[in-house]
Protein backbone atom coordinates (compact mmCIF):
# COMPACT_ATOMS: atom_id res chain seq x y z
CA MET A 1 0.42 15.20 1.11
CA LEU A 2 -1.14 11.79 1.75
CA GLY A 3 2.15 10.60 3.22
CA LEU A 4 2.09 13.45 5.74
CA ILE A 5 -1.47 12.65 6.76
CA LEU A 6 -0.72 8.95 7.14
CA GLY A 7 2.48 9.74 9.03
CA GLU A 8 0.59 11.88 11.49
CA LEU A 9 -2.11 9.23 11.86
CA VAL A 10 0.52 6.58 12.61
CA LYS A 11 2.26 8.86 15.10
CA SER A 12 -0.81 10.17 16.92
CA HIS A 13 -2.49 6.76 17.26
CA GLU A 14 0.68 4.70 17.79
CA LEU A 15 0.11 2.58 14.70
CA GLY A 16 3.78 1.89 14.06
CA ALA A 17 5.04 -1.60 13.38
CA LYS A 18 5.45 -3.72 16.48
CA PRO A 19 8.42 -6.13 16.49
CA GLU A 20 6.12 -9.12 16.99
CA GLN A 21 4.00 -8.10 13.98
CA VAL A 22 7.07 -7.80 11.78
CA ARG A 23 8.40 -11.14 13.00
CA ALA A 24 5.05 -12.80 12.25
CA LEU A 25 5.00 -11.38 8.72
CA VAL A 26 8.58 -12.44 8.05
CA THR A 27 7.93 -15.92 9.45
CA GLU A 28 4.75 -16.32 7.40
CA HIS A 29 6.60 -15.27 4.25
CA ALA A 30 9.50 -17.59 5.03
CA GLN A 31 7.21 -20.62 5.27
CA THR A 32 6.92 -20.64 1.49
CA TYR A 33 10.60 -21.60 1.20
CA GLU A 34 12.42 -24.88 1.81
CA GLN A 35 14.54 -23.45 4.64
CA PRO A 36 12.34 -20.92 6.45
CA PHE A 37 14.88 -20.24 9.20
CA GLU A 38 17.48 -19.19 6.62
CA VAL A 39 14.98 -16.85 4.95
CA VAL A 40 14.16 -15.21 8.29
CA ARG A 41 17.87 -14.78 8.99
CA TRP A 42 18.41 -13.34 5.50
CA VAL A 43 15.60 -10.79 5.93
CA TYR A 44 16.86 -9.69 9.33
CA SER A 45 20.44 -9.38 8.05
CA GLU A 46 19.58 -6.40 5.85
CA PRO A 47 17.66 -3.39 7.22
CA GLN A 48 16.27 -2.55 3.77
CA ARG A 49 14.65 -5.99 3.49
CA LEU A 50 13.25 -5.71 6.99
CA ASN A 51 11.81 -2.26 6.18
CA GLU A 52 9.51 -3.87 3.60
CA PHE A 53 7.90 -6.01 6.30
CA GLU A 54 7.72 -3.08 8.71
CA GLY A 55 5.89 -1.13 6.01
CA LEU A 56 3.41 -3.98 5.58
CA ALA A 57 2.77 -4.04 9.33
CA VAL A 58 2.18 -0.27 9.46
CA GLU A 59 -0.14 -0.48 6.46
CA SER A 60 -2.14 -3.21 8.16
CA ASN A 61 -2.35 -1.17 11.38
CA VAL A 62 -3.61 1.90 9.52
CA VAL A 63 -6.20 -0.07 7.55
CA ASN A 64 -7.46 -1.76 10.72
CA TRP A 65 -7.66 1.58 12.54
CA VAL A 66 -9.60 3.20 9.69
CA LEU A 67 -12.02 0.26 9.47
CA GLU A 68 -12.65 0.44 13.23
CA HIS A 69 -13.27 4.20 13.21
CA ALA A 70 -14.94 4.78 9.83
CA LYS A 71 -18.61 5.68 9.76
CA VAL A 72 -20.50 4.43 6.73
CA LYS A 73 -23.55 6.28 5.53
CA ASP A 74 -25.75 5.05 2.67
CA LYS A 75 -26.83 7.65 0.14
CA SER A 76 -28.89 7.09 -2.98
CA ILE A 77 -27.60 8.89 -6.06
CA SER A 78 -28.23 8.64 -9.78
CA PHE A 79 -25.80 6.96 -12.13
CA ASP A 80 -24.98 10.29 -13.78
CA GLU A 81 -24.21 11.87 -10.42
CA LEU A 82 -21.98 8.94 -9.52
CA MET A 83 -20.10 9.28 -12.79
CA GLY A 84 -19.75 13.05 -12.42
CA ALA A 85 -22.02 13.86 -15.37
CA ALA A 86 -24.71 15.61 -13.29
CA ALA A 87 -25.10 19.30 -14.02
């Protein structure tokens, strides 16, 4: 169910992974290796590997969208109510 909601959110607000975001994530990851260019080439040579970075980009887009649009409201409650022990 959550996947459907997130999928619709991504679709309706165009939060899909942008190629430049994916490239930046791959490049950043590759910098931790001795031959970053080879790591980038390796990731891009296999769609399944690239999908992992696309997923990270989509996740980041969704989190950023939610943080921009969320409304926070403070509410004082007792400890028991917080823990679900209130009758």
